[in-house]
PDB file of N, CA and C in Angstrom:
ATOM      1  N   MET A   1       0.852  -1.179   0.000  1.00  0.00           N
ATOM      2  CA  MET A   1       0.000   0.000   0.000  1.00  0.00           C
ATOM      3  C   MET A   1       0.895   1.239   0.000  1.00  0.00           C
ATOM      4  N   SER A   2       0.571   2.203  -0.847  1.00  0.00           N
ATOM      5  CA  SER A   2       1.386   3.416  -0.915  1.00  0.00           C
ATOM      6  C   SER A   2       0.996   4.395   0.186  1.00  0.00           C
ATOM      7  N   GLN A   3       1.958   5.181   0.584  1.00  0.00           N
ATOM      8  CA  GLN A   3       1.766   6.169   1.636  1.00  0.00           C
ATOM      9  C   GLN A   3       1.021   7.375   1.072  1.00  0.00           C
ATOM     10  N   GLN A   4       0.058   7.886   1.828  1.00  0.00           N
ATOM     11  CA  GLN A   4      -0.679   9.086   1.431  1.00  0.00           C
ATOM     12  C   GLN A   4       0.205  10.309   1.653  1.00  0.00           C
ATOM     13  N   ILE A   5       0.411  11.090   0.611  1.00  0.00           N
ATOM     14  CA  ILE A   5       1.230  12.302   0.705  1.00  0.00           C
ATOM     15  C   ILE A   5       0.297  13.491   0.849  1.00  0.00           C
ATOM     16  N   GLU A   6       0.558  14.305   1.853  1.00  0.00           N
ATOM     17  CA  GLU A   6      -0.257  15.490   2.111  1.00  0.00           C
ATOM     18  C   GLU A   6       0.285  16.682   1.331  1.00  0.00           C
ATOM     19  N   PRO A   7      -0.596  17.484   0.750  1.00  0.00           N
ATOM     20  CA  PRO A   7      -0.124  18.702   0.091  1.00  0.00           C
ATOM     21  C   PRO A   7       0.572  19.632   1.092  1.00  0.00           C
ATOM     22  N   LEU A   8       1.420  20.485   0.578  1.00  0.00           N
ATOM     23  CA  LEU A   8       2.172  21.409   1.430  1.00  0.00           C
ATOM     24  C   LEU A   8       2.337  22.733   0.706  1.00  0.00           C
ATOM     25  N   VAL A   9       2.079  23.813   1.415  1.00  0.00           N
ATOM     26  CA  VAL A   9       2.376  25.150   0.924  1.00  0.00           C
ATOM     27  C   VAL A   9       3.179  25.847   2.016  1.00  0.00           C
ATOM     28  N   ARG A  10       4.344  26.354   1.641  1.00  0.00           N
ATOM     29  CA  ARG A  10       5.171  27.126   2.580  1.00  0.00           C
ATOM     30  C   ARG A  10       5.374  28.506   1.984  1.00  0.00           C
ATOM     31  N   HIS A  11       5.150  29.508   2.773  1.00  0.00           N
ATOM     32  CA  HIS A  11       5.327  30.881   2.321  1.00  0.00           C
ATOM     33  C   HIS A  11       6.770  31.315   2.556  1.00  0.00           C
ATOM     34  N   SER A  12       7.240  32.240   1.742  1.00  0.00           N
ATOM     35  CA  SER A  12       8.645  32.642   1.785  1.00  0.00           C
ATOM     36  C   SER A  12       9.075  33.127   3.165  1.00  0.00           C
ATOM     37  N   ASP A  13       8.175  33.778   3.907  1.00  0.00           N
ATOM     38  CA  ASP A  13       8.581  34.269   5.228  1.00  0.00           C
ATOM     39  C   ASP A  13       8.606  33.161   6.284  1.00  0.00           C
ATOM     40  N   ASP A  14       8.226  31.922   5.902  1.00  0.00           N
ATOM     41  CA  ASP A  14       8.318  30.773   6.813  1.00  0.00           C
ATOM     42  C   ASP A  14       9.660  30.050   6.702  1.00  0.00           C
ATOM     43  N   ILE A  15      10.460  30.421   5.708  1.00  0.00           N
ATOM     44  CA  ILE A  15      11.721  29.724   5.450  1.00  0.00           C
ATOM     45  C   ILE A  15      12.833  30.348   6.294  1.00  0.00           C
ATOM     46  N   GLU A  16      13.527  29.510   7.033  1.00  0.00           N
ATOM     47  CA  GLU A  16      14.667  29.964   7.830  1.00  0.00           C
ATOM     48  C   GLU A  16      15.952  29.663   7.063  1.00  0.00           C
ATOM     49  N   TYR A  17      16.840  30.649   7.024  1.00  0.00           N
ATOM     50  CA  TYR A  17      18.119  30.507   6.326  1.00  0.00           C
ATOM     51  C   TYR A  17      19.235  30.362   7.344  1.00  0.00           C
ATOM     52  N   GLU A  18      20.218  29.549   6.971  1.00  0.00           N
ATOM     53  CA  GLU A  18      21.398  29.382   7.823  1.00  0.00           C
ATOM     54  C   GLU A  18      22.639  29.499   6.960  1.00  0.00           C
ATOM     55  N   ASP A  19      23.722  29.966   7.579  1.00  0.00           N
ATOM     56  CA  ASP A  19      24.988  30.068   6.864  1.00  0.00           C
ATOM     57  C   ASP A  19      25.503  28.681   6.526  1.00  0.00           C
ATOM     58  N   VAL A  20      26.134  28.563   5.374  1.00  0.00           N
ATOM     59  CA  VAL A  20      26.759  27.307   4.959  1.00  0.00           C
ATOM     60  C   VAL A  20      28.174  27.308   5.519  1.00  0.00           C
ATOM     61  N   ASP A  21      28.493  26.318   6.340  1.00  0.00           N
ATOM     62  CA  ASP A  21      29.770  26.275   7.062  1.00  0.00           C
ATOM     63  C   ASP A  21      30.991  26.428   6.169  1.00  0.00           C
ATOM     64  N   ALA A  22      31.029  25.723   5.059  1.00  0.00           N
ATOM     65  CA  ALA A  22      32.232  25.689   4.227  1.00  0.00           C
ATOM     66  C   ALA A  22      32.358  26.890   3.305  1.00  0.00           C
ATOM     67  N   ALA A  23      31.364  27.793   3.331  1.00  0.00           N
ATOM     68  CA  ALA A  23      31.375  28.879   2.344  1.00  0.00           C
ATOM     69  C   ALA A  23      30.902  30.183   2.963  1.00  0.00           C
ATOM     70  N   GLU A  24      31.850  31.039   3.302  1.00  0.00           N
ATOM     71  CA  GLU A  24      31.487  32.342   3.854  1.00  0.00           C
ATOM     72  C   GLU A  24      30.755  33.156   2.786  1.00  0.00           C
ATOM     73  N   GLY A  25      29.605  33.697   3.154  1.00  0.00           N
ATOM     74  CA  GLY A  25      28.818  34.490   2.216  1.00  0.00           C
ATOM     75  C   GLY A  25      27.735  33.713   1.504  1.00  0.00           C
ATOM     76  N   MET A  26      27.539  32.448   1.890  1.00  0.00           N
ATOM     77  CA  MET A  26      26.468  31.644   1.294  1.00  0.00           C
ATOM     78  C   MET A  26      25.524  31.197   2.400  1.00  0.00           C
ATOM     79  N   SER A  27      24.218  31.309   2.128  1.00  0.00           N
ATOM     80  CA  SER A  27      23.218  30.815   3.082  1.00  0.00           C
ATOM     81  C   SER A  27      22.254  29.893   2.363  1.00  0.00           C
ATOM     82  N   LYS A  28      21.592  29.017   3.163  1.00  0.00           N
ATOM     83  CA  LYS A  28      20.710  27.995   2.614  1.00  0.00           C
ATOM     84  C   LYS A  28      19.405  27.968   3.388  1.00  0.00           C
ATOM     85  N   GLY A  29      18.304  27.881   2.657  1.00  0.00           N
ATOM     86  CA  GLY A  29      16.991  27.660   3.243  1.00  0.00           C
ATOM     87  C   GLY A  29      16.396  26.409   2.629  1.00  0.00           C
ATOM     88  N   VAL A  30      15.887  25.508   3.463  1.00  0.00           N
ATOM     89  CA  VAL A  30      15.262  24.288   2.956  1.00  0.00           C
ATOM     90  C   VAL A  30      13.777  24.581   2.767  1.00  0.00           C
ATOM     91  N   LEU A  31      13.329  24.515   1.517  1.00  0.00           N
ATOM     92  CA  LEU A  31      11.941  24.828   1.199  1.00  0.00           C
ATOM     93  C   LEU A  31      11.034  23.620   1.429  1.00  0.00           C
ATOM     94  N   VAL A  32      11.423  22.492   0.866  1.00  0.00           N
ATOM     95  CA  VAL A  32      10.661  21.252   0.971  1.00  0.00           C
ATOM     96  C   VAL A  32      11.661  20.111   1.071  1.00  0.00           C
ATOM     97  N   ASP A  33      11.381  19.161   1.956  1.00  0.00           N
ATOM     98  CA  ASP A  33      12.233  17.976   2.057  1.00  0.00           C
ATOM     99  C   ASP A  33      11.465  16.864   2.746  1.00  0.00           C
ATOM    100  N   GLU A  34      12.159  15.801   3.035  1.00  0.00           N
ATOM    101  CA  GLU A  34      11.567  14.625   3.661  1.00  0.00           C
ATOM    102  C   GLU A  34      10.874  14.966   4.978  1.00  0.00           C
ATOM    103  N   SER A  35      11.465  15.863   5.746  1.00  0.00           N
ATOM    104  CA  SER A  35      10.882  16.219   7.045  1.00  0.00           C
ATOM    105  C   SER A  35       9.551  16.952   6.900  1.00  0.00           C
ATOM    106  N   ARG A  36       9.267  17.472   5.712  1.00  0.00           N
ATOM    107  CA  ARG A  36       8.013  18.175   5.434  1.00  0.00           C
ATOM    108  C   ARG A  36       7.071  17.314   4.594  1.00  0.00           C
ATOM    109  N   GLY A  37       7.397  16.032   4.449  1.00  0.00           N
ATOM    110  CA  GLY A  37       6.499  15.101   3.771  1.00  0.00           C
ATOM    111  C   GLY A  37       6.813  14.814   2.321  1.00  0.00           C
ATOM    112  N   ALA A  38       7.882  15.390   1.767  1.00  0.00           N
ATOM    113  CA  ALA A  38       8.251  15.114   0.377  1.00  0.00           C
ATOM    114  C   ALA A  38       8.991  13.772   0.326  1.00  0.00           C
ATOM    115  N   PRO A  39       8.436  12.767  -0.322  1.00  0.00           N
ATOM    116  CA  PRO A  39       9.015  11.427  -0.243  1.00  0.00           C
ATOM    117  C   PRO A  39      10.271  11.206  -1.081  1.00  0.00           C
ATOM    118  N   ASN A  40      10.515  12.042  -2.098  1.00  0.00           N
ATOM    119  CA  ASN A  40      11.597  11.732  -3.027  1.00  0.00           C
ATOM    120  C   ASN A  40      12.681  12.790  -3.152  1.00  0.00           C
ATOM    121  N   PHE A  41      12.296  14.064  -3.109  1.00  0.00           N
ATOM    122  CA  PHE A  41      13.253  15.128  -3.399  1.00  0.00           C
ATOM    123  C   PHE A  41      13.176  16.245  -2.369  1.00  0.00           C
ATOM    124  N   ALA A  42      14.286  16.972  -2.271  1.00  0.00           N
ATOM    125  CA  ALA A  42      14.348  18.185  -1.456  1.00  0.00           C
ATOM    126  C   ALA A  42      14.596  19.358  -2.391  1.00  0.00           C
ATOM    127  N   ILE A  43      13.997  20.493  -2.081  1.00  0.00           N
ATOM    128  CA  ILE A  43      14.271  21.732  -2.800  1.00  0.00           C
ATOM    129  C   ILE A  43      14.814  22.719  -1.783  1.00  0.00           C
ATOM    130  N   ARG A  44      15.974  23.277  -2.121  1.00  0.00           N
ATOM    131  CA  ARG A  44      16.632  24.226  -1.240  1.00  0.00           C
ATOM    132  C   ARG A  44      16.889  25.511  -2.010  1.00  0.00           C
ATOM    133  N   ARG A  45      16.929  26.629  -1.288  1.00  0.00           N
ATOM    134  CA  ARG A  45      17.237  27.919  -1.917  1.00  0.00           C
ATOM    135  C   ARG A  45      18.541  28.423  -1.319  1.00  0.00           C
ATOM    136  N   PHE A  46      19.487  28.756  -2.189  1.00  0.00           N
ATOM    137  CA  PHE A  46      20.781  29.257  -1.755  1.00  0.00           C
ATOM    138  C   PHE A  46      20.918  30.716  -2.164  1.00  0.00           C
ATOM    139  N   GLU A  47      21.572  31.494  -1.312  1.00  0.00           N
ATOM    140  CA  GLU A  47      21.898  32.884  -1.612  1.00  0.00           C
ATOM    141  C   GLU A  47      23.413  33.033  -1.524  1.00  0.00           C
ATOM    142  N   LEU A  48      23.970  33.711  -2.524  1.00  0.00           N
ATOM    143  CA  LEU A  48      25.415  33.891  -2.631  1.00  0.00           C
ATOM    144  C   LEU A  48      25.706  35.384  -2.641  1.00  0.00           C
ATOM    145  N   ASP A  49      26.255  35.887  -1.537  1.00  0.00           N
ATOM    146  CA  ASP A  49      26.536  37.320  -1.395  1.00  0.00           C
ATOM    147  C   ASP A  49      27.574  37.788  -2.416  1.00  0.00           C
ATOM    148  N   PRO A  50      27.557  39.084  -2.754  1.00  0.00           N
ATOM    149  CA  PRO A  50      28.628  39.623  -3.595  1.00  0.00           C
ATOM    150  C   PRO A  50      29.987  39.348  -2.939  1.00  0.00           C
ATOM    151  N   GLY A  51      30.940  38.896  -3.736  1.00  0.00           N
ATOM    152  CA  GLY A  51      32.272  38.583  -3.222  1.00  0.00           C
ATOM    153  C   GLY A  51      32.413  37.207  -2.611  1.00  0.00           C
ATOM    154  N   ALA A  52      31.326  36.473  -2.478  1.00  0.00           N
ATOM    155  CA  ALA A  52      31.383  35.150  -1.840  1.00  0.00           C
ATOM    156  C   ALA A  52      32.001  34.116  -2.777  1.00  0.00           C
ATOM    157  N   GLU A  53      32.675  33.147  -2.182  1.00  0.00           N
ATOM    158  CA  GLU A  53      33.243  32.016  -2.911  1.00  0.00           C
ATOM    159  C   GLU A  53      32.931  30.734  -2.167  1.00  0.00           C
ATOM    160  N   VAL A  54      32.558  29.720  -2.911  1.00  0.00           N
ATOM    161  CA  VAL A  54      32.329  28.389  -2.359  1.00  0.00           C
ATOM    162  C   VAL A  54      33.464  27.516  -2.886  1.00  0.00           C
ATOM    163  N   PRO A  55      34.236  26.887  -1.998  1.00  0.00           N
ATOM    164  CA  PRO A  55      35.401  26.125  -2.453  1.00  0.00           C
ATOM    165  C   PRO A  55      35.013  24.880  -3.254  1.00  0.00           C
ATOM    166  N   GLU A  56      35.997  24.342  -3.962  1.00  0.00           N
ATOM    167  CA  GLU A  56      35.791  23.105  -4.712  1.00  0.00           C
ATOM    168  C   GLU A  56      35.325  22.009  -3.760  1.00  0.00           C
ATOM    169  N   HIS A  57      34.277  21.296  -4.198  1.00  0.00           N
ATOM    170  CA  HIS A  57      33.740  20.210  -3.384  1.00  0.00           C
ATOM    171  C   HIS A  57      32.976  19.237  -4.272  1.00  0.00           C
ATOM    172  N   THR A  58      32.647  18.096  -3.690  1.00  0.00           N
ATOM    173  CA  THR A  58      31.790  17.119  -4.350  1.00  0.00           C
ATOM    174  C   THR A  58      30.618  16.814  -3.430  1.00  0.00           C
ATOM    175  N   ASN A  59      29.560  16.279  -4.008  1.00  0.00           N
ATOM    176  CA  ASN A  59      28.390  15.841  -3.247  1.00  0.00           C
ATOM    177  C   ASN A  59      28.081  14.404  -3.627  1.00  0.00           C
ATOM    178  N   GLU A  60      27.462  13.692  -2.711  1.00  0.00           N
ATOM    179  CA  GLU A  60      27.106  12.289  -2.934  1.00  0.00           C
ATOM    180  C   GLU A  60      25.984  12.127  -3.946  1.00  0.00           C
ATOM    181  N   VAL A  61      25.170  13.178  -4.131  1.00  0.00           N
ATOM    182  CA  VAL A  61      23.998  13.077  -5.007  1.00  0.00           C
ATOM    183  C   VAL A  61      24.050  14.140  -6.091  1.00  0.00           C
ATOM    184  N   GLU A  62      23.323  13.897  -7.181  1.00  0.00           N
ATOM    185  CA  GLU A  62      23.226  14.887  -8.248  1.00  0.00           C
ATOM    186  C   GLU A  62      22.490  16.122  -7.754  1.00  0.00           C
ATOM    187  N   HIS A  63      22.731  17.239  -8.440  1.00  0.00           N
ATOM    188  CA  HIS A  63      22.058  18.504  -8.133  1.00  0.00           C
ATOM    189  C   HIS A  63      21.457  19.066  -9.419  1.00  0.00           C
ATOM    190  N   GLU A  64      20.206  19.448  -9.377  1.00  0.00           N
ATOM    191  CA  GLU A  64      19.593  20.213 -10.451  1.00  0.00           C
ATOM    192  C   GLU A  64      19.370  21.612  -9.896  1.00  0.00           C
ATOM    193  N   GLN A  65      19.842  22.628 -10.606  1.00  0.00           N
ATOM    194  CA  GLN A  65      19.761  23.995 -10.095  1.00  0.00           C
ATOM    195  C   GLN A  65      19.092  24.913 -11.113  1.00  0.00           C
ATOM    196  N   TYR A  66      18.415  25.928 -10.568  1.00  0.00           N
ATOM    197  CA  TYR A  66      17.777  26.954 -11.383  1.00  0.00           C
ATOM    198  C   TYR A  66      18.151  28.304 -10.794  1.00  0.00           C
ATOM    199  N   VAL A  67      18.771  29.170 -11.598  1.00  0.00           N
ATOM    200  CA  VAL A  67      19.239  30.466 -11.125  1.00  0.00           C
ATOM    201  C   VAL A  67      18.060  31.434 -11.041  1.00  0.00           C
ATOM    202  N   LEU A  68      17.866  31.981  -9.845  1.00  0.00           N
ATOM    203  CA  LEU A  68      16.769  32.917  -9.594  1.00  0.00           C
ATOM    204  C   LEU A  68      17.177  34.366  -9.786  1.00  0.00           C
ATOM    205  N   ALA A  69      18.403  34.705  -9.409  1.00  0.00           N
ATOM    206  CA  ALA A  69      18.821  36.109  -9.418  1.00  0.00           C
ATOM    207  C   ALA A  69      20.334  36.207  -9.509  1.00  0.00           C
ATOM    208  N   GLY A  70      20.791  37.358  -9.974  1.00  0.00           N
ATOM    209  CA  GLY A  70      22.221  37.652  -9.998  1.00  0.00           C
ATOM    210  C   GLY A  70      22.929  37.004 -11.171  1.00  0.00           C
ATOM    211  N   GLU A  71      24.231  37.205 -11.173  1.00  0.00           N
ATOM    212  CA  GLU A  71      25.121  36.579 -12.144  1.00  0.00           C
ATOM    213  C   GLU A  71      26.357  36.150 -11.376  1.00  0.00           C
ATOM    214  N   TYR A  72      26.780  34.906 -11.556  1.00  0.00           N
ATOM    215  CA  TYR A  72      27.942  34.388 -10.846  1.00  0.00           C
ATOM    216  C   TYR A  72      28.588  33.289 -11.678  1.00  0.00           C
ATOM    217  N   THR A  73      29.755  32.856 -11.248  1.00  0.00           N
ATOM    218  CA  THR A  73      30.514  31.842 -11.967  1.00  0.00           C
ATOM    219  C   THR A  73      30.407  30.518 -11.232  1.00  0.00           C
ATOM    220  N   VAL A  74      30.218  29.457 -12.009  1.00  0.00           N
ATOM    221  CA  VAL A  74      30.164  28.104 -11.470  1.00  0.00           C
ATOM    222  C   VAL A  74      31.213  27.278 -12.197  1.00  0.00           C
ATOM    223  N   GLY A  75      32.048  26.596 -11.450  1.00  0.00           N
ATOM    224  CA  GLY A  75      32.969  25.635 -12.035  1.00  0.00           C
ATOM    225  C   GLY A  75      32.381  24.250 -11.867  1.00  0.00           C
ATOM    226  N   ILE A  76      32.318  23.491 -12.954  1.00  0.00           N
ATOM    227  CA  ILE A  76      31.827  22.108 -12.920  1.00  0.00           C
ATOM    228  C   ILE A  76      32.853  21.265 -13.663  1.00  0.00           C
ATOM    229  N   GLY A  77      33.514  20.376 -12.923  1.00  0.00           N
ATOM    230  CA  GLY A  77      34.593  19.610 -13.533  1.00  0.00           C
ATOM    231  C   GLY A  77      35.688  20.563 -13.972  1.00  0.00           C
ATOM    232  N   ASP A  78      36.104  20.461 -15.242  1.00  0.00           N
ATOM    233  CA  ASP A  78      37.169  21.311 -15.772  1.00  0.00           C
ATOM    234  C   ASP A  78      36.635  22.553 -16.471  1.00  0.00           C
ATOM    235  N   GLU A  79      35.320  22.747 -16.465  1.00  0.00           N
ATOM    236  CA  GLU A  79      34.710  23.874 -17.172  1.00  0.00           C
ATOM    237  C   GLU A  79      34.252  24.959 -16.201  1.00  0.00           C
ATOM    238  N   GLU A  80      34.234  26.200 -16.699  1.00  0.00           N
ATOM    239  CA  GLU A  80      33.784  27.350 -15.923  1.00  0.00           C
ATOM    240  C   GLU A  80      32.645  28.014 -16.701  1.00  0.00           C
ATOM    241  N   TYR A  81      31.541  28.333 -16.002  1.00  0.00           N
ATOM    242  CA  TYR A  81      30.358  28.900 -16.645  1.00  0.00           C
ATOM    243  C   TYR A  81      29.919  30.167 -15.917  1.00  0.00           C
ATOM    244  N   THR A  82      29.502  31.169 -16.658  1.00  0.00           N
ATOM    245  CA  THR A  82      28.847  32.322 -16.082  1.00  0.00           C
ATOM    246  C   THR A  82      27.346  32.076 -16.221  1.00  0.00           C
ATOM    247  N   VAL A  83      26.634  32.130 -15.102  1.00  0.00           N
ATOM    248  CA  VAL A  83      25.194  31.858 -15.115  1.00  0.00           C
ATOM    249  C   VAL A  83      24.450  33.073 -14.582  1.00  0.00           C
ATOM    250  N   SER A  84      23.191  33.206 -15.014  1.00  0.00           N
ATOM    251  CA  SER A  84      22.350  34.304 -14.555  1.00  0.00           C
ATOM    252  C   SER A  84      20.901  33.846 -14.546  1.00  0.00           C
ATOM    253  N   GLU A  85      20.033  34.728 -14.093  1.00  0.00           N
ATOM    254  CA  GLU A  85      18.614  34.434 -13.920  1.00  0.00           C
ATOM    255  C   GLU A  85      18.042  33.664 -15.112  1.00  0.00           C
ATOM    256  N   GLY A  86      17.372  32.542 -14.798  1.00  0.00           N
ATOM    257  CA  GLY A  86      16.732  31.721 -15.817  1.00  0.00           C
ATOM    258  C   GLY A  86      17.569  30.555 -16.305  1.00  0.00           C
ATOM    259  N   ASP A  87      18.866  30.519 -15.957  1.00  0.00           N
ATOM    260  CA  ASP A  87      19.727  29.419 -16.382  1.00  0.00           C
ATOM    261  C   ASP A  87      19.496  28.192 -15.499  1.00  0.00           C
ATOM    262  N   SER A  88      19.742  27.014 -16.081  1.00  0.00           N
ATOM    263  CA  SER A  88      19.601  25.740 -15.363  1.00  0.00           C
ATOM    264  C   SER A  88      20.910  24.978 -15.426  1.00  0.00           C
ATOM    265  N   LEU A  89      21.178  24.195 -14.375  1.00  0.00           N
ATOM    266  CA  LEU A  89      22.411  23.421 -14.306  1.00  0.00           C
ATOM    267  C   LEU A  89      22.107  22.012 -13.824  1.00  0.00           C
ATOM    268  N   LEU A  90      22.880  21.063 -14.319  1.00  0.00           N
ATOM    269  CA  LEU A  90      22.904  19.705 -13.781  1.00  0.00           C
ATOM    270  C   LEU A  90      24.329  19.441 -13.331  1.00  0.00           C
ATOM    271  N   ILE A  91      24.489  19.144 -12.048  1.00  0.00           N
ATOM    272  CA  ILE A  91      25.796  18.797 -11.506  1.00  0.00           C
ATOM    273  C   ILE A  91      25.707  17.337 -11.081  1.00  0.00           C
ATOM    274  N   PRO A  92      26.344  16.431 -11.842  1.00  0.00           N
ATOM    275  CA  PRO A  92      26.257  15.005 -11.518  1.00  0.00           C
ATOM    276  C   PRO A  92      26.889  14.682 -10.167  1.00  0.00           C
ATOM    277  N   ALA A  93      26.423  13.628  -9.549  1.00  0.00           N
ATOM    278  CA  ALA A  93      26.980  13.164  -8.272  1.00  0.00           C
ATOM    279  C   ALA A  93      28.479  12.920  -8.420  1.00  0.00           C
ATOM    280  N   GLY A  94      29.240  13.363  -7.428  1.00  0.00           N
ATOM    281  CA  GLY A  94      30.672  13.104  -7.389  1.00  0.00           C
ATOM    282  C   GLY A  94      31.530  14.034  -8.222  1.00  0.00           C
ATOM    283  N   VAL A  95      30.937  14.953  -8.981  1.00  0.00           N
ATOM    284  CA  VAL A  95      31.716  15.858  -9.834  1.00  0.00           C
ATOM    285  C   VAL A  95      32.135  17.086  -9.018  1.00  0.00           C
ATOM    286  N   VAL A  96      33.407  17.454  -9.127  1.00  0.00           N
ATOM    287  CA  VAL A  96      33.924  18.625  -8.427  1.00  0.00           C
ATOM    288  C   VAL A  96      33.255  19.872  -8.995  1.00  0.00           C
ATOM    289  N   HIS A  97      32.805  20.763  -8.086  1.00  0.00           N
ATOM    290  CA  HIS A  97      32.213  22.031  -8.508  1.00  0.00           C
ATOM    291  C   HIS A  97      32.451  23.091  -7.450  1.00  0.00           C
ATOM    292  N   TRP A  98      32.270  24.366  -7.860  1.00  0.00           N
ATOM    293  CA  TRP A  98      32.509  25.512  -6.974  1.00  0.00           C
ATOM    294  C   TRP A  98      31.719  26.703  -7.510  1.00  0.00           C
ATOM    295  N   TYR A  99      31.614  27.763  -6.695  1.00  0.00           N
ATOM    296  CA  TYR A  99      30.877  28.974  -7.063  1.00  0.00           C
ATOM    297  C   TYR A  99      31.698  30.203  -6.675  1.00  0.00           C
ATOM    298  N   ARG A 100      31.513  31.295  -7.462  1.00  0.00           N
ATOM    299  CA  ARG A 100      32.174  32.556  -7.143  1.00  0.00           C
ATOM    300  C   ARG A 100      31.282  33.697  -7.639  1.00  0.00           C
ATOM    301  N   ASN A 101      30.951  34.621  -6.754  1.00  0.00           N
ATOM    302  CA  ASN A 101      30.152  35.783  -7.130  1.00  0.00           C
ATOM    303  C   ASN A 101      31.053  37.017  -7.128  1.00  0.00           C
ATOM    304  N   GLU A 102      31.494  37.426  -8.312  1.00  0.00           N
ATOM    305  CA  GLU A 102      32.373  38.587  -8.440  1.00  0.00           C
ATOM    306  C   GLU A 102      31.594  39.873  -8.656  1.00  0.00           C
ATOM    307  N   GLY A 103      30.275  39.777  -8.758  1.00  0.00           N
ATOM    308  CA  GLY A 103      29.447  40.951  -9.011  1.00  0.00           C
ATOM    309  C   GLY A 103      29.130  41.723  -7.751  1.00  0.00           C
ATOM    310  N   ASP A 104      28.335  42.772  -7.921  1.00  0.00           N
ATOM    311  CA  ASP A 104      27.939  43.583  -6.769  1.00  0.00           C
ATOM    312  C   ASP A 104      26.483  43.319  -6.356  1.00  0.00           C
ATOM    313  N   GLN A 105      25.873  42.306  -6.973  1.00  0.00           N
ATOM    314  CA  GLN A 105      24.508  41.898  -6.619  1.00  0.00           C
ATOM    315  C   GLN A 105      24.524  40.472  -6.077  1.00  0.00           C
ATOM    316  N   PRO A 106      23.640  40.170  -5.125  1.00  0.00           N
ATOM    317  CA  PRO A 106      23.577  38.789  -4.641  1.00  0.00           C
ATOM    318  C   PRO A 106      23.098  37.839  -5.739  1.00  0.00           C
ATOM    319  N   GLY A 107      23.542  36.614  -5.651  1.00  0.00           N
ATOM    320  CA  GLY A 107      23.040  35.554  -6.518  1.00  0.00           C
ATOM    321  C   GLY A 107      22.121  34.658  -5.709  1.00  0.00           C
ATOM    322  N   ALA A 108      21.181  34.026  -6.370  1.00  0.00           N
ATOM    323  CA  ALA A 108      20.281  33.090  -5.685  1.00  0.00           C
ATOM    324  C   ALA A 108      19.911  31.979  -6.654  1.00  0.00           C
ATOM    325  N   PHE A 109      19.797  30.754  -6.123  1.00  0.00           N
ATOM    326  CA  PHE A 109      19.380  29.640  -6.968  1.00  0.00           C
ATOM    327  C   PHE A 109      18.622  28.608  -6.152  1.00  0.00           C
ATOM    328  N   LEU A 110      17.749  27.885  -6.861  1.00  0.00           N
ATOM    329  CA  LEU A 110      17.069  26.730  -6.291  1.00  0.00           C
ATOM    330  C   LEU A 110      17.910  25.507  -6.612  1.00  0.00           C
ATOM    331  N   CYS A 111      17.931  24.563  -5.690  1.00  0.00           N
ATOM    332  CA  CYS A 111      18.682  23.329  -5.878  1.00  0.00           C
ATOM    333  C   CYS A 111      17.787  22.162  -5.475  1.00  0.00           C
ATOM    334  N   ALA A 112      17.541  21.255  -6.405  1.00  0.00           N
ATOM    335  CA  ALA A 112      16.753  20.054  -6.119  1.00  0.00           C
ATOM    336  C   ALA A 112      17.708  18.869  -6.044  1.00  0.00           C
ATOM    337  N   VAL A 113      17.527  18.068  -4.996  1.00  0.00           N
ATOM    338  CA  VAL A 113      18.356  16.878  -4.797  1.00  0.00           C
ATOM    339  C   VAL A 113      17.472  15.733  -4.322  1.00  0.00           C
ATOM    340  N   PRO A 114      17.891  14.502  -4.593  1.00  0.00           N
ATOM    341  CA  PRO A 114      17.149  13.369  -4.026  1.00  0.00           C
ATOM    342  C   PRO A 114      17.267  13.387  -2.500  1.00  0.00           C
ATOM    343  N   ASN A 115      16.224  12.945  -1.829  1.00  0.00           N
ATOM    344  CA  ASN A 115      16.298  12.818  -0.374  1.00  0.00           C
ATOM    345  C   ASN A 115      17.382  11.811  -0.005  1.00  0.00           C
ATOM    346  N   GLY A 116      17.912  11.949   1.183  1.00  0.00           N
ATOM    347  CA  GLY A 116      18.940  11.033   1.661  1.00  0.00           C
ATOM    348  C   GLY A 116      20.217  11.782   1.965  1.00  0.00           C
ATOM    349  N   ASP A 117      21.288  11.035   2.127  1.00  0.00           N
ATOM    350  CA  ASP A 117      22.572  11.605   2.509  1.00  0.00           C
ATOM    351  C   ASP A 117      23.139  12.427   1.357  1.00  0.00           C
ATOM    352  N   ASP A 118      23.490  13.654   1.637  1.00  0.00           N
ATOM    353  CA  ASP A 118      24.106  14.538   0.649  1.00  0.00           C
ATOM    354  C   ASP A 118      25.458  14.978   1.181  1.00  0.00           C
ATOM    355  N   GLU A 119      26.285  14.017   1.521  1.00  0.00           N
ATOM    356  CA  GLU A 119      27.577  14.335   2.127  1.00  0.00           C
ATOM    357  C   GLU A 119      28.423  15.185   1.199  1.00  0.00           C
ATOM    358  N   ILE A 120      28.959  16.268   1.758  1.00  0.00           N
ATOM    359  CA  ILE A 120      29.815  17.186   1.029  1.00  0.00           C
ATOM    360  C   ILE A 120      31.255  16.892   1.390  1.00  0.00           C
ATOM    361  N   GLU A 121      32.106  16.791   0.376  1.00  0.00           N
ATOM    362  CA  GLU A 121      33.529  16.587   0.622  1.00  0.00           C
ATOM    363  C   GLU A 121      34.310  17.700  -0.047  1.00  0.00           C
ATOM    364  N   LEU A 122      35.036  18.477   0.753  1.00  0.00           N
ATOM    365  CA  LEU A 122      35.871  19.546   0.207  1.00  0.00           C
ATOM    366  C   LEU A 122      37.068  18.949  -0.517  1.00  0.00           C
ATOM    367  N   VAL A 123      37.437  19.564  -1.639  1.00  0.00           N
ATOM    368  CA  VAL A 123      38.595  19.145  -2.411  1.00  0.00           C
ATOM    369  C   VAL A 123      39.768  19.995  -1.952  1.00  0.00           C
ATOM    370  N   GLU A 124      40.867  19.347  -1.623  1.00  0.00           N
ATOM    371  CA  GLU A 124      42.026  20.102  -1.128  1.00  0.00           C
ATOM    372  C   GLU A 124      43.076  20.269  -2.178  1.00  0.00           C
TER     373      GLU A 124
END
């Protein structure tokens, strides 16, 4: 028997943001995840302050991202991309990636990941 999933609506002022430990100038808000009844995926919103950098790292799971605001640089593997509002990204599991906001406006993006362990490993 399948589990009954309850609908969920969360308003933007209900989302709490926290600083991301490995990246000064980046914060994360969890919009929907397993703890809120989503059985398969989590959606998170990240904000990247002007001048912020996220070091090279890998994640255990794939990431699908949608840029909401700003313009910033994303490194994925050996490639570097400038992304802005409306752009989409797929970052496969285990691929080294990083972020850098050299602009004077904040960047923001949505990130969808499968539920479960999303262990982050910094690349040295």
